[in-house]
Amino acid sequence: DSVKGRFTISRDNAKNTVYLQMNSLKPED
């Protein structure tokens, strides 16, 4: 709940890579 709307997880299976896009970062992150 603390990151909903700010963080986005995605993956590229062809590259065996997962990403975490973090926007509107706060000190508590």
Full PDB file with SEQRES, HELIX, SHEET, SSBOND, CRYST1, ORIGX, SCALE, CONECT and MASTER records, all heavy atoms in Angstrom:
SEQRES   1 A   29  ASP SER VAL LYS GLY ARG PHE THR ILE SER ARG ASP ASN          
SEQRES   2 A   29  ALA LYS ASN THR VAL TYR LEU GLN MET ASN SER LEU LYS          
SEQRES   3 A   29  PRO GLU ASP                                                  
SHEET    1 AA1 2 PHE A   7  ASP A  12  0                                        
SHEET    2 AA1 2 THR A  17  MET A  22 -1                                        
CRYST1    1.000    1.000    1.000  90.00  90.00  90.00 P 1           1          
ORIGX1      1.000000  0.000000  0.000000        0.00000                         
ORIGX2      0.000000  1.000000  0.000000        0.00000                         
ORIGX3      0.000000  0.000000  1.000000        0.00000                         
SCALE1      1.000000  0.000000  0.000000        0.00000                         
SCALE2      0.000000  1.000000  0.000000        0.00000                         
SCALE3      0.000000  0.000000  1.000000        0.00000                         
ATOM      1  N   ASP A   1       0.826  -1.217   0.000  1.00  0.00           N  
ATOM      2  CA  ASP A   1       0.000   0.000   0.000  1.00  0.00           C  
ATOM      3  C   ASP A   1       0.857   1.262   0.000  1.00  0.00           C  
ATOM      4  O   ASP A   1       0.487   2.273  -0.598  1.00  0.00           O  
ATOM      5  CB  ASP A   1      -0.915   0.000   1.225  1.00  0.00           C  
ATOM      6  CG  ASP A   1      -2.031  -1.018   1.114  1.00  0.00           C  
ATOM      7  OD1 ASP A   1      -2.308  -1.496  -0.019  1.00  0.00           O  
ATOM      8  OD2 ASP A   1      -2.624  -1.351   2.150  1.00  0.00           O  
ATOM      9  N   SER A   2       2.003   1.180   0.640  1.00  0.00           N  
ATOM     10  CA  SER A   2       2.859   2.360   0.783  1.00  0.00           C  
ATOM     11  C   SER A   2       3.477   2.823  -0.532  1.00  0.00           C  
ATOM     12  O   SER A   2       3.968   3.951  -0.619  1.00  0.00           O  
ATOM     13  CB  SER A   2       3.968   2.082   1.796  1.00  0.00           C  
ATOM     14  OG  SER A   2       4.749   0.972   1.390  1.00  0.00           O  
ATOM     15  N   VAL A   3       3.476   1.956  -1.548  1.00  0.00           N  
ATOM     16  CA  VAL A   3       4.112   2.328  -2.821  1.00  0.00           C  
ATOM     17  C   VAL A   3       3.143   2.340  -3.992  1.00  0.00           C  
ATOM     18  O   VAL A   3       3.535   2.712  -5.110  1.00  0.00           O  
ATOM     19  CB  VAL A   3       5.301   1.387  -3.146  1.00  0.00           C  
ATOM     20  CG1 VAL A   3       6.274   1.317  -1.971  1.00  0.00           C  
ATOM     21  CG2 VAL A   3       4.825   0.000  -3.532  1.00  0.00           C  
ATOM     22  N   LYS A   4       1.903   1.966  -3.762  1.00  0.00           N  
ATOM     23  CA  LYS A   4       0.921   1.944  -4.846  1.00  0.00           C  
ATOM     24  C   LYS A   4       0.789   3.313  -5.478  1.00  0.00           C  
ATOM     25  O   LYS A   4       0.696   4.326  -4.787  1.00  0.00           O  
ATOM     26  CB  LYS A   4      -0.445   1.490  -4.319  1.00  0.00           C  
ATOM     27  CG  LYS A   4      -0.617   0.007  -4.235  1.00  0.00           C  
ATOM     28  CD  LYS A   4      -2.013  -0.357  -3.729  1.00  0.00           C  
ATOM     29  CE  LYS A   4      -2.132  -1.856  -3.548  1.00  0.00           C  
ATOM     30  NZ  LYS A   4      -3.440  -2.234  -2.961  1.00  0.00           N  
ATOM     31  N   GLY A   5       0.773   3.325  -6.800  1.00  0.00           N  
ATOM     32  CA  GLY A   5       0.647   4.579  -7.531  1.00  0.00           C  
ATOM     33  C   GLY A   5       1.963   5.292  -7.744  1.00  0.00           C  
ATOM     34  O   GLY A   5       2.031   6.252  -8.522  1.00  0.00           O  
ATOM     35  N   ARG A   6       3.025   4.843  -7.075  1.00  0.00           N  
ATOM     36  CA  ARG A   6       4.345   5.470  -7.220  1.00  0.00           C  
ATOM     37  C   ARG A   6       5.356   4.524  -7.837  1.00  0.00           C  
ATOM     38  O   ARG A   6       6.236   4.965  -8.585  1.00  0.00           O  
ATOM     39  CB  ARG A   6       4.854   5.941  -5.859  1.00  0.00           C  
ATOM     40  CG  ARG A   6       3.966   6.959  -5.177  1.00  0.00           C  
ATOM     41  CD  ARG A   6       4.623   7.527  -3.915  1.00  0.00           C  
ATOM     42  NE  ARG A   6       4.904   6.511  -2.907  1.00  0.00           N  
ATOM     43  CZ  ARG A   6       6.121   6.242  -2.431  1.00  0.00           C  
ATOM     44  NH1 ARG A   6       7.171   6.911  -2.859  1.00  0.00           N  
ATOM     45  NH2 ARG A   6       6.281   5.318  -1.501  1.00  0.00           N  
ATOM     46  N   PHE A   7       5.270   3.245  -7.525  1.00  0.00           N  
ATOM     47  CA  PHE A   7       6.224   2.251  -8.017  1.00  0.00           C  
ATOM     48  C   PHE A   7       5.540   1.363  -9.055  1.00  0.00           C  
ATOM     49  O   PHE A   7       4.346   1.072  -8.955  1.00  0.00           O  
ATOM     50  CB  PHE A   7       6.727   1.371  -6.877  1.00  0.00           C  
ATOM     51  CG  PHE A   7       7.618   2.052  -5.873  1.00  0.00           C  
ATOM     52  CD1 PHE A   7       7.794   3.429  -5.839  1.00  0.00           C  
ATOM     53  CD2 PHE A   7       8.306   1.292  -4.942  1.00  0.00           C  
ATOM     54  CE1 PHE A   7       8.612   4.043  -4.922  1.00  0.00           C  
ATOM     55  CE2 PHE A   7       9.140   1.881  -3.994  1.00  0.00           C  
ATOM     56  CZ  PHE A   7       9.282   3.259  -3.986  1.00  0.00           C  
ATOM     57  N   THR A   8       6.341   0.906 -10.012  1.00  0.00           N  
ATOM     58  CA  THR A   8       5.848  -0.018 -11.037  1.00  0.00           C  
ATOM     59  C   THR A   8       6.857  -1.130 -11.235  1.00  0.00           C  
ATOM     60  O   THR A   8       8.030  -0.866 -11.500  1.00  0.00           O  
ATOM     61  CB  THR A   8       5.614   0.699 -12.364  1.00  0.00           C  
ATOM     62  OG1 THR A   8       4.689   1.782 -12.182  1.00  0.00           O  
ATOM     63  CG2 THR A   8       5.034  -0.263 -13.404  1.00  0.00           C  
ATOM     64  N   ILE A   9       6.382  -2.353 -11.111  1.00  0.00           N  
ATOM     65  CA  ILE A   9       7.241  -3.512 -11.364  1.00  0.00           C  
ATOM     66  C   ILE A   9       6.955  -4.035 -12.766  1.00  0.00           C  
ATOM     67  O   ILE A   9       5.801  -4.035 -13.213  1.00  0.00           O  
ATOM     68  CB  ILE A   9       7.030  -4.608 -10.292  1.00  0.00           C  
ATOM     69  CG1 ILE A   9       8.068  -5.721 -10.452  1.00  0.00           C  
ATOM     70  CG2 ILE A   9       5.608  -5.154 -10.333  1.00  0.00           C  
ATOM     71  CD1 ILE A   9       8.061  -6.727  -9.291  1.00  0.00           C  
ATOM     72  N   SER A  10       8.002  -4.465 -13.438  1.00  0.00           N  
ATOM     73  CA  SER A  10       7.836  -5.037 -14.767  1.00  0.00           C  
ATOM     74  C   SER A  10       8.951  -6.058 -14.986  1.00  0.00           C  
ATOM     75  O   SER A  10       9.905  -6.119 -14.202  1.00  0.00           O  
ATOM     76  CB  SER A  10       7.878  -3.958 -15.854  1.00  0.00           C  
ATOM     77  OG  SER A  10       9.124  -3.283 -15.842  1.00  0.00           O  
ATOM     78  N   ARG A  11       8.812  -6.829 -16.034  1.00  0.00           N  
ATOM     79  CA  ARG A  11       9.842  -7.837 -16.303  1.00  0.00           C  
ATOM     80  C   ARG A  11       9.997  -8.017 -17.804  1.00  0.00           C  
ATOM     81  O   ARG A  11       9.042  -7.834 -18.571  1.00  0.00           O  
ATOM     82  CB  ARG A  11       9.520  -9.169 -15.625  1.00  0.00           C  
ATOM     83  CG  ARG A  11       8.291  -9.879 -16.155  1.00  0.00           C  
ATOM     84  CD  ARG A  11       7.934 -11.074 -15.263  1.00  0.00           C  
ATOM     85  NE  ARG A  11       8.968 -12.090 -15.251  1.00  0.00           N  
ATOM     86  CZ  ARG A  11       9.012 -13.108 -14.370  1.00  0.00           C  
ATOM     87  NH1 ARG A  11       8.071 -13.203 -13.437  1.00  0.00           N  
ATOM     88  NH2 ARG A  11       9.979 -13.998 -14.432  1.00  0.00           N  
ATOM     89  N   ASP A  12      11.186  -8.403 -18.192  1.00  0.00           N  
ATOM     90  CA  ASP A  12      11.503  -8.738 -19.576  1.00  0.00           C  
ATOM     91  C   ASP A  12      12.095 -10.134 -19.540  1.00  0.00           C  
ATOM     92  O   ASP A  12      13.279 -10.309 -19.235  1.00  0.00           O  
ATOM     93  CB  ASP A  12      12.483  -7.721 -20.161  1.00  0.00           C  
ATOM     94  CG  ASP A  12      12.772  -7.960 -21.629  1.00  0.00           C  
ATOM     95  OD1 ASP A  12      12.565  -9.097 -22.112  1.00  0.00           O  
ATOM     96  OD2 ASP A  12      13.237  -7.025 -22.293  1.00  0.00           O  
ATOM     97  N   ASN A  13      11.281 -11.135 -19.827  1.00  0.00           N  
ATOM     98  CA  ASN A  13      11.739 -12.513 -19.717  1.00  0.00           C  
ATOM     99  C   ASN A  13      12.824 -12.847 -20.751  1.00  0.00           C  
ATOM    100  O   ASN A  13      13.659 -13.720 -20.515  1.00  0.00           O  
ATOM    101  CB  ASN A  13      10.567 -13.475 -19.841  1.00  0.00           C  
ATOM    102  CG  ASN A  13       9.697 -13.482 -18.602  1.00  0.00           C  
ATOM    103  OD1 ASN A  13      10.136 -13.070 -17.521  1.00  0.00           O  
ATOM    104  ND2 ASN A  13       8.463 -13.917 -18.732  1.00  0.00           N  
ATOM    105  N   ALA A  14      12.815 -12.160 -21.868  1.00  0.00           N  
ATOM    106  CA  ALA A  14      13.848 -12.402 -22.877  1.00  0.00           C  
ATOM    107  C   ALA A  14      15.222 -11.996 -22.343  1.00  0.00           C  
ATOM    108  O   ALA A  14      16.245 -12.553 -22.747  1.00  0.00           O  
ATOM    109  CB  ALA A  14      13.526 -11.639 -24.148  1.00  0.00           C  
ATOM    110  N   LYS A  15      15.230 -11.027 -21.439  1.00  0.00           N  
ATOM    111  CA  LYS A  15      16.491 -10.557 -20.851  1.00  0.00           C  
ATOM    112  C   LYS A  15      16.701 -11.086 -19.436  1.00  0.00           C  
ATOM    113  O   LYS A  15      17.690 -10.739 -18.793  1.00  0.00           O  
ATOM    114  CB  LYS A  15      16.519  -9.028 -20.827  1.00  0.00           C  
ATOM    115  CG  LYS A  15      16.490  -8.374 -22.195  1.00  0.00           C  
ATOM    116  CD  LYS A  15      16.542  -6.868 -22.090  1.00  0.00           C  
ATOM    117  CE  LYS A  15      16.558  -6.212 -23.461  1.00  0.00           C  
ATOM    118  NZ  LYS A  15      16.597  -4.731 -23.364  1.00  0.00           N  
ATOM    119  N   ASN A  16      15.761 -11.887 -18.948  1.00  0.00           N  
ATOM    120  CA  ASN A  16      15.836 -12.398 -17.572  1.00  0.00           C  
ATOM    121  C   ASN A  16      16.051 -11.261 -16.576  1.00  0.00           C  
ATOM    122  O   ASN A  16      16.886 -11.346 -15.661  1.00  0.00           O  
ATOM    123  CB  ASN A  16      16.958 -13.435 -17.425  1.00  0.00           C  
ATOM    124  CG  ASN A  16      16.626 -14.738 -18.107  1.00  0.00           C  
ATOM    125  OD1 ASN A  16      15.458 -15.129 -18.175  1.00  0.00           O  
ATOM    126  ND2 ASN A  16      17.624 -15.396 -18.651  1.00  0.00           N  
ATOM    127  N   THR A  17      15.293 -10.202 -16.758  1.00  0.00           N  
ATOM    128  CA  THR A  17      15.471  -9.009 -15.937  1.00  0.00           C  
ATOM    129  C   THR A  17      14.112  -8.512 -15.435  1.00  0.00           C  
ATOM    130  O   THR A  17      13.135  -8.526 -16.186  1.00  0.00           O  
ATOM    131  CB  THR A  17      16.167  -7.891 -16.733  1.00  0.00           C  
ATOM    132  OG1 THR A  17      17.447  -8.370 -17.172  1.00  0.00           O  
ATOM    133  CG2 THR A  17      16.381  -6.652 -15.869  1.00  0.00           C  
ATOM    134  N   VAL A  18      14.105  -8.091 -14.188  1.00  0.00           N  
ATOM    135  CA  VAL A  18      12.927  -7.469 -13.603  1.00  0.00           C  
ATOM    136  C   VAL A  18      13.300  -6.049 -13.172  1.00  0.00           C  
ATOM    137  O   VAL A  18      14.452  -5.799 -12.792  1.00  0.00           O  
ATOM    138  CB  VAL A  18      12.382  -8.299 -12.424  1.00  0.00           C  
ATOM    139  CG1 VAL A  18      13.374  -8.351 -11.279  1.00  0.00           C  
ATOM    140  CG2 VAL A  18      11.051  -7.756 -11.940  1.00  0.00           C  
ATOM    141  N   TYR A  19      12.346  -5.154 -13.287  1.00  0.00           N  
ATOM    142  CA  TYR A  19      12.594  -3.754 -13.007  1.00  0.00           C  
ATOM    143  C   TYR A  19      11.651  -3.248 -11.924  1.00  0.00           C  
ATOM    144  O   TYR A  19      10.550  -3.766 -11.747  1.00  0.00           O  
ATOM    145  CB  TYR A  19      12.384  -2.913 -14.272  1.00  0.00           C  
ATOM    146  CG  TYR A  19      13.193  -3.369 -15.457  1.00  0.00           C  
ATOM    147  CD1 TYR A  19      12.635  -4.221 -16.424  1.00  0.00           C  
ATOM    148  CD2 TYR A  19      14.517  -2.976 -15.610  1.00  0.00           C  
ATOM    149  CE1 TYR A  19      13.378  -4.646 -17.509  1.00  0.00           C  
ATOM    150  CE2 TYR A  19      15.264  -3.399 -16.706  1.00  0.00           C  
ATOM    151  CZ  TYR A  19      14.673  -4.238 -17.644  1.00  0.00           C  
ATOM    152  OH  TYR A  19      15.422  -4.666 -18.721  1.00  0.00           O  
ATOM    153  N   LEU A  20      12.099  -2.211 -11.239  1.00  0.00           N  
ATOM    154  CA  LEU A  20      11.236  -1.498 -10.313  1.00  0.00           C  
ATOM    155  C   LEU A  20      11.423  -0.010 -10.579  1.00  0.00           C  
ATOM    156  O   LEU A  20      12.460   0.556 -10.244  1.00  0.00           O  
ATOM    157  CB  LEU A  20      11.570  -1.829  -8.862  1.00  0.00           C  
ATOM    158  CG  LEU A  20      10.623  -1.213  -7.829  1.00  0.00           C  
ATOM    159  CD1 LEU A  20       9.239  -1.853  -7.938  1.00  0.00           C  
ATOM    160  CD2 LEU A  20      11.165  -1.388  -6.413  1.00  0.00           C  
ATOM    161  N   GLN A  21      10.431   0.576 -11.222  1.00  0.00           N  
ATOM    162  CA  GLN A  21      10.439   2.010 -11.460  1.00  0.00           C  
ATOM    163  C   GLN A  21       9.857   2.697 -10.244  1.00  0.00           C  
ATOM    164  O   GLN A  21       8.708   2.409  -9.854  1.00  0.00           O  
ATOM    165  CB  GLN A  21       9.618   2.356 -12.703  1.00  0.00           C  
ATOM    166  CG  GLN A  21       9.534   3.841 -13.004  1.00  0.00           C  
ATOM    167  CD  GLN A  21      10.867   4.447 -13.384  1.00  0.00           C  
ATOM    168  OE1 GLN A  21      11.621   3.868 -14.161  1.00  0.00           O  
ATOM    169  NE2 GLN A  21      11.168   5.619 -12.840  1.00  0.00           N  
ATOM    170  N   MET A  22      10.643   3.565  -9.635  1.00  0.00           N  
ATOM    171  CA  MET A  22      10.214   4.236  -8.402  1.00  0.00           C  
ATOM    172  C   MET A  22      10.120   5.731  -8.670  1.00  0.00           C  
ATOM    173  O   MET A  22      11.132   6.383  -8.971  1.00  0.00           O  
ATOM    174  CB  MET A  22      11.216   3.953  -7.283  1.00  0.00           C  
ATOM    175  CG  MET A  22      11.453   2.469  -7.051  1.00  0.00           C  
ATOM    176  SD  MET A  22      12.468   2.132  -5.592  1.00  0.00           S  
ATOM    177  CE  MET A  22      14.018   2.883  -6.072  1.00  0.00           C  
ATOM    178  N   ASN A  23       8.917   6.257  -8.582  1.00  0.00           N  
ATOM    179  CA  ASN A  23       8.673   7.678  -8.792  1.00  0.00           C  
ATOM    180  C   ASN A  23       8.183   8.331  -7.499  1.00  0.00           C  
ATOM    181  O   ASN A  23       7.763   7.642  -6.569  1.00  0.00           O  
ATOM    182  CB  ASN A  23       7.634   7.885  -9.888  1.00  0.00           C  
ATOM    183  CG  ASN A  23       8.068   7.334 -11.223  1.00  0.00           C  
ATOM    184  OD1 ASN A  23       9.259   7.321 -11.554  1.00  0.00           O  
ATOM    185  ND2 ASN A  23       7.113   6.869 -12.021  1.00  0.00           N  
ATOM    186  N   SER A  24       8.235   9.643  -7.463  1.00  0.00           N  
ATOM    187  CA  SER A  24       7.761  10.397  -6.297  1.00  0.00           C  
ATOM    188  C   SER A  24       8.329   9.832  -5.005  1.00  0.00           C  
ATOM    189  O   SER A  24       7.613   9.589  -4.029  1.00  0.00           O  
ATOM    190  CB  SER A  24       6.221  10.380  -6.247  1.00  0.00           C  
ATOM    191  OG  SER A  24       5.679  10.914  -7.431  1.00  0.00           O  
ATOM    192  N   LEU A  25       9.614   9.624  -5.010  1.00  0.00           N  
ATOM    193  CA  LEU A  25      10.271   8.989  -3.862  1.00  0.00           C  
ATOM    194  C   LEU A  25      10.178   9.862  -2.621  1.00  0.00           C  
ATOM    195  O   LEU A  25      10.208  11.107  -2.693  1.00  0.00           O  
ATOM    196  CB  LEU A  25      11.722   8.673  -4.195  1.00  0.00           C  
ATOM    197  CG  LEU A  25      11.900   7.423  -5.066  1.00  0.00           C  
ATOM    198  CD1 LEU A  25      13.261   7.420  -5.741  1.00  0.00           C  
ATOM    199  CD2 LEU A  25      11.706   6.164  -4.242  1.00  0.00           C  
ATOM    200  N   LYS A  26      10.063   9.188  -1.484  1.00  0.00           N  
ATOM    201  CA  LYS A  26       9.949   9.844  -0.187  1.00  0.00           C  
ATOM    202  C   LYS A  26      11.109   9.392   0.701  1.00  0.00           C  
ATOM    203  O   LYS A  26      11.645   8.299   0.511  1.00  0.00           O  
ATOM    204  CB  LYS A  26       8.628   9.457   0.483  1.00  0.00           C  
ATOM    205  CG  LYS A  26       7.398   9.731  -0.354  1.00  0.00           C  
ATOM    206  CD  LYS A  26       6.150   9.198   0.342  1.00  0.00           C  
ATOM    207  CE  LYS A  26       4.896   9.459  -0.473  1.00  0.00           C  
ATOM    208  NZ  LYS A  26       3.683   8.931   0.210  1.00  0.00           N  
ATOM    209  N   PRO A  27      11.457  10.184   1.690  1.00  0.00           N  
ATOM    210  CA  PRO A  27      12.534   9.764   2.602  1.00  0.00           C  
ATOM    211  C   PRO A  27      12.264   8.401   3.243  1.00  0.00           C  
ATOM    212  O   PRO A  27      13.214   7.637   3.471  1.00  0.00           O  
ATOM    213  CB  PRO A  27      12.555  10.879   3.640  1.00  0.00           C  
ATOM    214  CG  PRO A  27      12.092  12.092   2.896  1.00  0.00           C  
ATOM    215  CD  PRO A  27      11.046  11.572   1.951  1.00  0.00           C  
ATOM    216  N   GLU A  28      11.006   8.075   3.483  1.00  0.00           N  
ATOM    217  CA  GLU A  28      10.690   6.780   4.096  1.00  0.00           C  
ATOM    218  C   GLU A  28      10.889   5.604   3.142  1.00  0.00           C  
ATOM    219  O   GLU A  28      10.778   4.445   3.560  1.00  0.00           O  
ATOM    220  CB  GLU A  28       9.258   6.769   4.647  1.00  0.00           C  
ATOM    221  CG  GLU A  28       8.198   7.234   3.677  1.00  0.00           C  
ATOM    222  CD  GLU A  28       7.844   8.696   3.866  1.00  0.00           C  
ATOM    223  OE1 GLU A  28       8.784   9.529   4.024  1.00  0.00           O  
ATOM    224  OE2 GLU A  28       6.645   9.015   3.818  1.00  0.00           O  
ATOM    225  N   ASP A  29      11.192   5.873   1.885  1.00  0.00           N  
ATOM    226  CA  ASP A  29      11.530   4.803   0.944  1.00  0.00           C  
ATOM    227  C   ASP A  29      13.002   4.397   1.064  1.00  0.00           C  
ATOM    228  O   ASP A  29      13.430   3.428   0.421  1.00  0.00           O  
ATOM    229  CB  ASP A  29      11.263   5.246  -0.494  1.00  0.00           C  
ATOM    230  CG  ASP A  29       9.783   5.461  -0.776  1.00  0.00           C  
ATOM    231  OD1 ASP A  29       8.968   4.653  -0.303  1.00  0.00           O  
ATOM    232  OD2 ASP A  29       9.463   6.454  -1.458  1.00  0.00           O  
TER     233      ASP A  29                                                      
MASTER        0    0    0    0    2    0    0    6  232    1    0    3          
END                                                                             
